[in-house]
PDB file of all heavy atoms in Angstrom:
ATOM      1  N   GLY A   1     -51.828  15.934  31.699  1.00  0.00           N
ATOM      2  CA  GLY A   1     -50.854  15.278  32.567  1.00  0.00           C
ATOM      3  C   GLY A   1     -49.811  16.248  33.087  1.00  0.00           C
ATOM      4  O   GLY A   1     -50.083  17.411  33.354  1.00  0.00           O
ATOM      5  N   ARG A   2     -48.569  15.772  33.232  1.00  0.00           N
ATOM      6  CA  ARG A   2     -47.476  16.643  33.671  1.00  0.00           C
ATOM      7  C   ARG A   2     -47.066  17.498  32.487  1.00  0.00           C
ATOM      8  O   ARG A   2     -46.625  16.987  31.462  1.00  0.00           O
ATOM      9  CB  ARG A   2     -46.300  15.803  34.172  1.00  0.00           C
ATOM     10  CG  ARG A   2     -45.249  16.635  34.902  1.00  0.00           C
ATOM     11  CD  ARG A   2     -44.188  15.774  35.557  1.00  0.00           C
ATOM     12  NE  ARG A   2     -44.731  14.918  36.596  1.00  0.00           N
ATOM     13  CZ  ARG A   2     -45.064  15.317  37.821  1.00  0.00           C
ATOM     14  NH1 ARG A   2     -44.908  16.578  38.157  1.00  0.00           N
ATOM     15  NH2 ARG A   2     -45.547  14.470  38.698  1.00  0.00           N
ATOM     16  N   LEU A   3     -47.203  18.791  32.626  1.00  0.00           N
ATOM     17  CA  LEU A   3     -47.059  19.684  31.484  1.00  0.00           C
ATOM     18  C   LEU A   3     -45.608  20.081  31.257  1.00  0.00           C
ATOM     19  O   LEU A   3     -44.800  20.111  32.186  1.00  0.00           O
ATOM     20  CB  LEU A   3     -47.923  20.926  31.677  1.00  0.00           C
ATOM     21  CG  LEU A   3     -49.421  20.655  31.867  1.00  0.00           C
ATOM     22  CD1 LEU A   3     -50.183  21.961  32.004  1.00  0.00           C
ATOM     23  CD2 LEU A   3     -49.981  19.839  30.724  1.00  0.00           C
ATOM     24  N   SER A   4     -45.315  20.417  30.016  1.00  0.00           N
ATOM     25  CA  SER A   4     -43.962  20.792  29.611  1.00  0.00           C
ATOM     26  C   SER A   4     -43.967  22.218  29.057  1.00  0.00           C
ATOM     27  O   SER A   4     -45.005  22.882  28.987  1.00  0.00           O
ATOM     28  CB  SER A   4     -43.465  19.842  28.517  1.00  0.00           C
ATOM     29  OG  SER A   4     -44.186  20.066  27.316  1.00  0.00           O
ATOM     30  N   MET A   5     -42.811  22.662  28.621  1.00  0.00           N
ATOM     31  CA  MET A   5     -42.717  23.984  28.012  1.00  0.00           C
ATOM     32  C   MET A   5     -43.565  24.096  26.751  1.00  0.00           C
ATOM     33  O   MET A   5     -43.895  25.207  26.322  1.00  0.00           O
ATOM     34  CB  MET A   5     -41.258  24.307  27.669  1.00  0.00           C
ATOM     35  CG  MET A   5     -40.344  24.454  28.857  1.00  0.00           C
ATOM     36  SD  MET A   5     -38.664  24.819  28.298  1.00  0.00           S
ATOM     37  CE  MET A   5     -37.756  24.614  29.830  1.00  0.00           C
ATOM     38  N   TRP A   6     -43.916  22.953  26.169  1.00  0.00           N
ATOM     39  CA  TRP A   6     -44.692  22.994  24.918  1.00  0.00           C
ATOM     40  C   TRP A   6     -46.125  23.454  25.147  1.00  0.00           C
ATOM     41  O   TRP A   6     -46.837  23.741  24.193  1.00  0.00           O
ATOM     42  CB  TRP A   6     -44.673  21.639  24.221  1.00  0.00           C
ATOM     43  CG  TRP A   6     -45.073  21.785  22.779  1.00  0.00           C
ATOM     44  CD1 TRP A   6     -46.173  21.286  22.169  1.00  0.00           C
ATOM     45  CD2 TRP A   6     -44.344  22.496  21.769  1.00  0.00           C
ATOM     46  NE1 TRP A   6     -46.203  21.645  20.846  1.00  0.00           N
ATOM     47  CE2 TRP A   6     -45.082  22.390  20.576  1.00  0.00           C
ATOM     48  CE3 TRP A   6     -43.163  23.222  21.755  1.00  0.00           C
ATOM     49  CZ2 TRP A   6     -44.667  22.981  19.380  1.00  0.00           C
ATOM     50  CZ3 TRP A   6     -42.745  23.816  20.567  1.00  0.00           C
ATOM     51  CH2 TRP A   6     -43.503  23.684  19.407  1.00  0.00           C
ATOM     52  N   LYS A   7     -46.551  23.587  26.390  1.00  0.00           N
ATOM     53  CA  LYS A   7     -47.850  24.204  26.650  1.00  0.00           C
ATOM     54  C   LYS A   7     -47.890  25.589  26.013  1.00  0.00           C
ATOM     55  O   LYS A   7     -48.897  25.992  25.431  1.00  0.00           O
ATOM     56  CB  LYS A   7     -48.106  24.306  28.152  1.00  0.00           C
ATOM     57  CG  LYS A   7     -49.474  24.883  28.510  1.00  0.00           C
ATOM     58  CD  LYS A   7     -49.625  25.065  29.999  1.00  0.00           C
ATOM     59  CE  LYS A   7     -48.855  26.253  30.489  1.00  0.00           C
ATOM     60  NZ  LYS A   7     -49.108  26.568  31.921  1.00  0.00           N
ATOM     61  N   ALA A   8     -46.795  26.335  26.130  1.00  0.00           N
ATOM     62  CA  ALA A   8     -46.693  27.634  25.468  1.00  0.00           C
ATOM     63  C   ALA A   8     -46.200  27.502  24.037  1.00  0.00           C
ATOM     64  O   ALA A   8     -46.473  28.359  23.199  1.00  0.00           O
ATOM     65  CB  ALA A   8     -45.763  28.557  26.252  1.00  0.00           C
ATOM     66  N   GLY A   9     -45.483  26.414  23.761  1.00  0.00           N
ATOM     67  CA  GLY A   9     -44.924  26.235  22.425  1.00  0.00           C
ATOM     68  C   GLY A   9     -45.966  25.944  21.367  1.00  0.00           C
ATOM     69  O   GLY A   9     -45.821  26.351  20.209  1.00  0.00           O
ATOM     70  N   ALA A  10     -47.046  25.251  21.748  1.00  0.00           N
ATOM     71  CA  ALA A  10     -48.065  24.889  20.754  1.00  0.00           C
ATOM     72  C   ALA A  10     -48.708  26.115  20.114  1.00  0.00           C
ATOM     73  O   ALA A  10     -48.768  26.213  18.880  1.00  0.00           O
ATOM     74  CB  ALA A  10     -49.114  23.981  21.391  1.00  0.00           C
ATOM     75  N   PRO A  11     -49.210  27.094  20.890  1.00  0.00           N
ATOM     76  CA  PRO A  11     -49.746  28.285  20.229  1.00  0.00           C
ATOM     77  C   PRO A  11     -48.685  29.114  19.525  1.00  0.00           C
ATOM     78  O   PRO A  11     -48.980  29.784  18.520  1.00  0.00           O
ATOM     79  CB  PRO A  11     -50.398  29.067  21.372  1.00  0.00           C
ATOM     80  CG  PRO A  11     -49.776  28.554  22.621  1.00  0.00           C
ATOM     81  CD  PRO A  11     -49.448  27.125  22.347  1.00  0.00           C
ATOM     82  N   ALA A  12     -47.446  29.087  20.029  1.00  0.00           N
ATOM     83  CA  ALA A  12     -46.384  29.839  19.358  1.00  0.00           C
ATOM     84  C   ALA A  12     -46.106  29.257  17.972  1.00  0.00           C
ATOM     85  O   ALA A  12     -45.945  29.998  16.992  1.00  0.00           O
ATOM     86  CB  ALA A  12     -45.120  29.816  20.211  1.00  0.00           C
ATOM     87  N   GLN A  13     -46.043  27.934  17.883  1.00  0.00           N
ATOM     88  CA  GLN A  13     -45.837  27.330  16.572  1.00  0.00           C
ATOM     89  C   GLN A  13     -47.027  27.601  15.666  1.00  0.00           C
ATOM     90  O   GLN A  13     -46.868  27.804  14.448  1.00  0.00           O
ATOM     91  CB  GLN A  13     -45.609  25.826  16.696  1.00  0.00           C
ATOM     92  CG  GLN A  13     -45.388  25.161  15.338  1.00  0.00           C
ATOM     93  CD  GLN A  13     -44.864  23.751  15.458  1.00  0.00           C
ATOM     94  OE1 GLN A  13     -43.811  23.519  16.019  1.00  0.00           O
ATOM     95  NE2 GLN A  13     -45.607  22.805  14.919  1.00  0.00           N
ATOM     96  N   ALA A  14     -48.234  27.600  16.244  1.00  0.00           N
ATOM     97  CA  ALA A  14     -49.421  27.904  15.454  1.00  0.00           C
ATOM     98  C   ALA A  14     -49.353  29.324  14.894  1.00  0.00           C
ATOM     99  O   ALA A  14     -49.714  29.568  13.738  1.00  0.00           O
ATOM    100  CB  ALA A  14     -50.674  27.728  16.314  1.00  0.00           C
ATOM    101  N   ALA A  15     -48.901  30.269  15.716  1.00  0.00           N
ATOM    102  CA  ALA A  15     -48.765  31.648  15.244  1.00  0.00           C
ATOM    103  C   ALA A  15     -47.745  31.736  14.111  1.00  0.00           C
ATOM    104  O   ALA A  15     -47.958  32.428  13.108  1.00  0.00           O
ATOM    105  CB  ALA A  15     -48.358  32.556  16.396  1.00  0.00           C
ATOM    106  N   GLN A  16     -46.640  31.034  14.271  1.00  0.00           N
ATOM    107  CA  GLN A  16     -45.620  31.000  13.225  1.00  0.00           C
ATOM    108  C   GLN A  16     -46.207  30.462  11.919  1.00  0.00           C
ATOM    109  O   GLN A  16     -46.000  31.034  10.832  1.00  0.00           O
ATOM    110  CB  GLN A  16     -44.452  30.128  13.690  1.00  0.00           C
ATOM    111  CG  GLN A  16     -43.283  30.050  12.724  1.00  0.00           C
ATOM    112  CD  GLN A  16     -42.160  29.181  13.291  1.00  0.00           C
ATOM    113  OE1 GLN A  16     -42.411  28.151  13.920  1.00  0.00           O
ATOM    114  NE2 GLN A  16     -40.926  29.592  13.099  1.00  0.00           N
ATOM    115  N   ALA A  17     -46.980  29.378  12.045  1.00  0.00           N
ATOM    116  CA  ALA A  17     -47.574  28.773  10.854  1.00  0.00           C
ATOM    117  C   ALA A  17     -48.616  29.685  10.215  1.00  0.00           C
ATOM    118  O   ALA A  17     -48.758  29.715   8.983  1.00  0.00           O
ATOM    119  CB  ALA A  17     -48.211  27.434  11.234  1.00  0.00           C
ATOM    120  N   GLY A  18     -49.356  30.429  11.039  1.00  0.00           N
ATOM    121  CA  GLY A  18     -50.353  31.336  10.489  1.00  0.00           C
ATOM    122  C   GLY A  18     -49.734  32.450   9.676  1.00  0.00           C
ATOM    123  O   GLY A  18     -50.237  32.809   8.599  1.00  0.00           O
ATOM    124  N   VAL A  19     -48.640  33.037  10.183  1.00  0.00           N
ATOM    125  CA  VAL A  19     -47.939  34.073   9.422  1.00  0.00           C
ATOM    126  C   VAL A  19     -47.384  33.488   8.128  1.00  0.00           C
ATOM    127  O   VAL A  19     -47.489  34.092   7.047  1.00  0.00           O
ATOM    128  CB  VAL A  19     -46.813  34.698  10.267  1.00  0.00           C
ATOM    129  CG1 VAL A  19     -45.956  35.643   9.423  1.00  0.00           C
ATOM    130  CG2 VAL A  19     -47.394  35.447  11.459  1.00  0.00           C
ATOM    131  N   GLN A  20     -46.814  32.301   8.209  1.00  0.00           N
ATOM    132  CA  GLN A  20     -46.267  31.677   7.005  1.00  0.00           C
ATOM    133  C   GLN A  20     -47.360  31.421   5.978  1.00  0.00           C
ATOM    134  O   GLN A  20     -47.161  31.657   4.775  1.00  0.00           O
ATOM    135  CB  GLN A  20     -45.580  30.356   7.367  1.00  0.00           C
ATOM    136  CG  GLN A  20     -45.030  29.613   6.154  1.00  0.00           C
ATOM    137  CD  GLN A  20     -44.236  28.391   6.560  1.00  0.00           C
ATOM    138  OE1 GLN A  20     -43.113  28.516   7.020  1.00  0.00           O
ATOM    139  NE2 GLN A  20     -44.825  27.219   6.393  1.00  0.00           N
ATOM    140  N   ALA A  21     -48.526  30.965   6.419  1.00  0.00           N
ATOM    141  CA  ALA A  21     -49.621  30.702   5.488  1.00  0.00           C
ATOM    142  C   ALA A  21     -50.033  31.978   4.762  1.00  0.00           C
ATOM    143  O   ALA A  21     -50.263  31.967   3.542  1.00  0.00           O
ATOM    144  CB  ALA A  21     -50.805  30.099   6.232  1.00  0.00           C
ATOM    145  N   ALA A  22     -50.140  33.081   5.496  1.00  0.00           N
ATOM    146  CA  ALA A  22     -50.534  34.341   4.856  1.00  0.00           C
ATOM    147  C   ALA A  22     -49.477  34.810   3.869  1.00  0.00           C
ATOM    148  O   ALA A  22     -49.803  35.295   2.767  1.00  0.00           O
ATOM    149  CB  ALA A  22     -50.779  35.403   5.924  1.00  0.00           C
ATOM    150  N   ARG A  23     -48.216  34.682   4.232  1.00  0.00           N
ATOM    151  CA  ARG A  23     -47.156  35.140   3.322  1.00  0.00           C
ATOM    152  C   ARG A  23     -47.042  34.224   2.099  1.00  0.00           C
ATOM    153  O   ARG A  23     -46.760  34.698   0.996  1.00  0.00           O
ATOM    154  CB  ARG A  23     -45.831  35.205   4.074  1.00  0.00           C
ATOM    155  CG  ARG A  23     -45.875  36.211   5.237  1.00  0.00           C
ATOM    156  CD  ARG A  23     -44.676  37.094   5.301  1.00  0.00           C
ATOM    157  NE  ARG A  23     -43.446  36.356   5.468  1.00  0.00           N
ATOM    158  CZ  ARG A  23     -42.272  36.742   4.957  1.00  0.00           C
ATOM    159  NH1 ARG A  23     -42.197  37.858   4.245  1.00  0.00           N
ATOM    160  NH2 ARG A  23     -41.188  36.031   5.170  1.00  0.00           N
ATOM    161  N   LEU A  24     -47.302  32.943   2.280  1.00  0.00           N
ATOM    162  CA  LEU A  24     -47.332  32.048   1.128  1.00  0.00           C
ATOM    163  C   LEU A  24     -48.486  32.398   0.190  1.00  0.00           C
ATOM    164  O   LEU A  24     -48.330  32.414  -1.037  1.00  0.00           O
ATOM    165  CB  LEU A  24     -47.456  30.592   1.594  1.00  0.00           C
ATOM    166  CG  LEU A  24     -46.199  29.959   2.199  1.00  0.00           C
ATOM    167  CD1 LEU A  24     -46.541  28.615   2.831  1.00  0.00           C
ATOM    168  CD2 LEU A  24     -45.116  29.780   1.134  1.00  0.00           C
ATOM    169  N   ALA A  25     -49.639  32.666   0.769  1.00  0.00           N
ATOM    170  CA  ALA A  25     -50.787  33.044  -0.059  1.00  0.00           C
ATOM    171  C   ALA A  25     -50.509  34.344  -0.801  1.00  0.00           C
ATOM    172  O   ALA A  25     -50.880  34.498  -1.976  1.00  0.00           O
ATOM    173  CB  ALA A  25     -52.034  33.177   0.813  1.00  0.00           C
ATOM    174  N   GLN A  26     -49.857  35.284  -0.139  1.00  0.00           N
ATOM    175  CA  GLN A  26     -49.495  36.533  -0.795  1.00  0.00           C
ATOM    176  C   GLN A  26     -48.594  36.274  -2.003  1.00  0.00           C
ATOM    177  O   GLN A  26     -48.716  36.947  -3.039  1.00  0.00           O
ATOM    178  CB  GLN A  26     -48.784  37.453   0.200  1.00  0.00           C
ATOM    179  CG  GLN A  26     -48.400  38.810  -0.359  1.00  0.00           C
ATOM    180  CD  GLN A  26     -47.622  39.642   0.640  1.00  0.00           C
ATOM    181  OE1 GLN A  26     -46.786  39.111   1.390  1.00  0.00           O
ATOM    182  NE2 GLN A  26     -47.877  40.945   0.681  1.00  0.00           N
ATOM    183  N   ALA A  27     -47.725  35.283  -1.896  1.00  0.00           N
ATOM    184  CA  ALA A  27     -46.804  34.958  -2.981  1.00  0.00           C
ATOM    185  C   ALA A  27     -47.445  34.093  -4.067  1.00  0.00           C
ATOM    186  O   ALA A  27     -46.801  33.815  -5.083  1.00  0.00           O
ATOM    187  CB  ALA A  27     -45.576  34.251  -2.426  1.00  0.00           C
ATOM    188  N   GLY A  28     -48.698  33.649  -3.867  1.00  0.00           N
ATOM    189  CA  GLY A  28     -49.388  32.879  -4.895  1.00  0.00           C
ATOM    190  C   GLY A  28     -49.643  31.425  -4.569  1.00  0.00           C
ATOM    191  O   GLY A  28     -50.238  30.698  -5.365  1.00  0.00           O
ATOM    192  N   MET A  29     -49.221  30.951  -3.370  1.00  0.00           N
ATOM    193  CA  MET A  29     -49.487  29.569  -2.986  1.00  0.00           C
ATOM    194  C   MET A  29     -50.979  29.377  -2.754  1.00  0.00           C
ATOM    195  O   MET A  29     -51.647  30.234  -2.193  1.00  0.00           O
ATOM    196  CB  MET A  29     -48.720  29.232  -1.706  1.00  0.00           C
ATOM    197  CG  MET A  29     -48.858  27.778  -1.252  1.00  0.00           C
ATOM    198  SD  MET A  29     -47.872  26.646  -2.245  1.00  0.00           S
ATOM    199  CE  MET A  29     -46.217  26.986  -1.618  1.00  0.00           C
ATOM    200  N   THR A  30     -51.502  28.246  -3.219  1.00  0.00           N
ATOM    201  CA  THR A  30     -52.919  27.950  -3.017  1.00  0.00           C
ATOM    202  C   THR A  30     -53.095  26.853  -1.973  1.00  0.00           C
ATOM    203  O   THR A  30     -52.201  26.032  -1.747  1.00  0.00           O
ATOM    204  CB  THR A  30     -53.589  27.502  -4.329  1.00  0.00           C
ATOM    205  OG1 THR A  30     -52.969  26.280  -4.775  1.00  0.00           O
ATOM    206  CG2 THR A  30     -53.455  28.571  -5.406  1.00  0.00           C
ATOM    207  N   GLY A  31     -54.260  26.877  -1.328  1.00  0.00           N
ATOM    208  CA  GLY A  31     -54.605  25.865  -0.337  1.00  0.00           C
ATOM    209  C   GLY A  31     -55.819  25.066  -0.786  1.00  0.00           C
ATOM    210  O   GLY A  31     -56.459  25.397  -1.791  1.00  0.00           O
ATOM    211  N   PRO A  32     -56.166  24.012  -0.058  1.00  0.00           N
ATOM    212  CA  PRO A  32     -57.327  23.187  -0.423  1.00  0.00           C
ATOM    213  C   PRO A  32     -58.606  24.015  -0.489  1.00  0.00           C
ATOM    214  O   PRO A  32     -58.794  24.968   0.273  1.00  0.00           O
ATOM    215  CB  PRO A  32     -57.387  22.154   0.707  1.00  0.00           C
ATOM    216  CG  PRO A  32     -56.005  22.106   1.251  1.00  0.00           C
ATOM    217  CD  PRO A  32     -55.465  23.495   1.131  1.00  0.00           C
ATOM    218  N   GLU A  33     -59.505  23.606  -1.394  1.00  0.00           N
ATOM    219  CA  GLU A  33     -60.742  24.367  -1.596  1.00  0.00           C
ATOM    220  C   GLU A  33     -61.722  24.234  -0.439  1.00  0.00           C
ATOM    221  O   GLU A  33     -62.523  25.135  -0.203  1.00  0.00           O
ATOM    222  CB  GLU A  33     -61.437  23.899  -2.875  1.00  0.00           C
ATOM    223  CG  GLU A  33     -60.707  24.248  -4.150  1.00  0.00           C
ATOM    224  CD  GLU A  33     -61.469  23.804  -5.369  1.00  0.00           C
ATOM    225  OE1 GLU A  33     -61.802  22.597  -5.460  1.00  0.00           O
ATOM    226  OE2 GLU A  33     -61.755  24.647  -6.231  1.00  0.00           O
ATOM    227  N   ALA A  34     -61.681  23.106   0.259  1.00  0.00           N
ATOM    228  CA  ALA A  34     -62.682  22.866   1.305  1.00  0.00           C
ATOM    229  C   ALA A  34     -62.015  22.289   2.551  1.00  0.00           C
ATOM    230  O   ALA A  34     -62.223  21.123   2.893  1.00  0.00           O
ATOM    231  CB  ALA A  34     -63.772  21.944   0.796  1.00  0.00           C
ATOM    232  N   PRO A  35     -61.215  23.077   3.263  1.00  0.00           N
ATOM    233  CA  PRO A  35     -60.482  22.544   4.422  1.00  0.00           C
ATOM    234  C   PRO A  35     -61.394  22.139   5.574  1.00  0.00           C
ATOM    235  O   PRO A  35     -61.040  21.257   6.358  1.00  0.00           O
ATOM    236  CB  PRO A  35     -59.575  23.708   4.829  1.00  0.00           C
ATOM    237  CG  PRO A  35     -60.302  24.929   4.356  1.00  0.00           C
ATOM    238  CD  PRO A  35     -60.955  24.512   3.076  1.00  0.00           C
ATOM    239  N   PHE A  36     -62.548  22.769   5.688  1.00  0.00           N
ATOM    240  CA  PHE A  36     -63.453  22.458   6.782  1.00  0.00           C
ATOM    241  C   PHE A  36     -64.443  21.361   6.407  1.00  0.00           C
ATOM    242  O   PHE A  36     -64.603  20.385   7.149  1.00  0.00           O
ATOM    243  CB  PHE A  36     -64.207  23.723   7.225  1.00  0.00           C
ATOM    244  CG  PHE A  36     -63.320  24.789   7.781  1.00  0.00           C
ATOM    245  CD1 PHE A  36     -62.976  25.898   7.016  1.00  0.00           C
ATOM    246  CD2 PHE A  36     -62.818  24.695   9.074  1.00  0.00           C
ATOM    247  CE1 PHE A  36     -62.149  26.889   7.520  1.00  0.00           C
ATOM    248  CE2 PHE A  36     -61.988  25.688   9.594  1.00  0.00           C
ATOM    249  CZ  PHE A  36     -61.645  26.785   8.808  1.00  0.00           C
ATOM    250  N   THR A  37     -65.099  21.502   5.284  1.00  0.00           N
ATOM    251  CA  THR A  37     -66.230  20.623   4.970  1.00  0.00           C
ATOM    252  C   THR A  37     -65.954  19.626   3.860  1.00  0.00           C
ATOM    253  O   THR A  37     -66.819  18.808   3.546  1.00  0.00           O
ATOM    254  CB  THR A  37     -67.448  21.472   4.580  1.00  0.00           C
ATOM    255  OG1 THR A  37     -67.126  22.283   3.442  1.00  0.00           O
ATOM    256  CG2 THR A  37     -67.857  22.378   5.732  1.00  0.00           C
ATOM    257  N   GLY A  38     -64.775  19.646   3.251  1.00  0.00           N
ATOM    258  CA  GLY A  38     -64.475  18.704   2.182  1.00  0.00           C
ATOM    259  C   GLY A  38     -64.198  17.311   2.706  1.00  0.00           C
ATOM    260  O   GLY A  38     -64.058  17.074   3.914  1.00  0.00           O
ATOM    261  N   GLU A  39     -64.105  16.359   1.788  1.00  0.00           N
ATOM    262  CA  GLU A  39     -63.785  14.978   2.163  1.00  0.00           C
ATOM    263  C   GLU A  39     -62.408  14.943   2.834  1.00  0.00           C
ATOM    264  O   GLU A  39     -61.422  15.435   2.297  1.00  0.00           O
ATOM    265  CB  GLU A  39     -63.776  14.093   0.921  1.00  0.00           C
ATOM    266  CG  GLU A  39     -63.508  12.629   1.225  1.00  0.00           C
ATOM    267  CD  GLU A  39     -63.523  11.758  -0.018  1.00  0.00           C
ATOM    268  OE1 GLU A  39     -63.842  12.276  -1.103  1.00  0.00           O
ATOM    269  OE2 GLU A  39     -63.208  10.552   0.103  1.00  0.00           O
ATOM    270  N   GLY A  40     -62.364  14.377   4.041  1.00  0.00           N
ATOM    271  CA  GLY A  40     -61.120  14.358   4.785  1.00  0.00           C
ATOM    272  C   GLY A  40     -60.793  15.680   5.449  1.00  0.00           C
ATOM    273  O   GLY A  40     -59.677  15.858   5.933  1.00  0.00           O
ATOM    274  N   GLY A  41     -61.752  16.597   5.492  1.00  0.00           N
ATOM    275  CA  GLY A  41     -61.513  17.902   6.096  1.00  0.00           C
ATOM    276  C   GLY A  41     -61.741  17.890   7.590  1.00  0.00           C
ATOM    277  O   GLY A  41     -61.985  16.844   8.214  1.00  0.00           O
TER     278      GLY A  41
END
């Protein structure tokens, strides 16, 4: 539809979240075992 600034914001937030996920994992945070193929994945 009529696009907003969030057209660029969506990948930017995704990039922010990706860096955070890696730094959390580095610190010992764990994620789900089957994010793609598990139940509800």
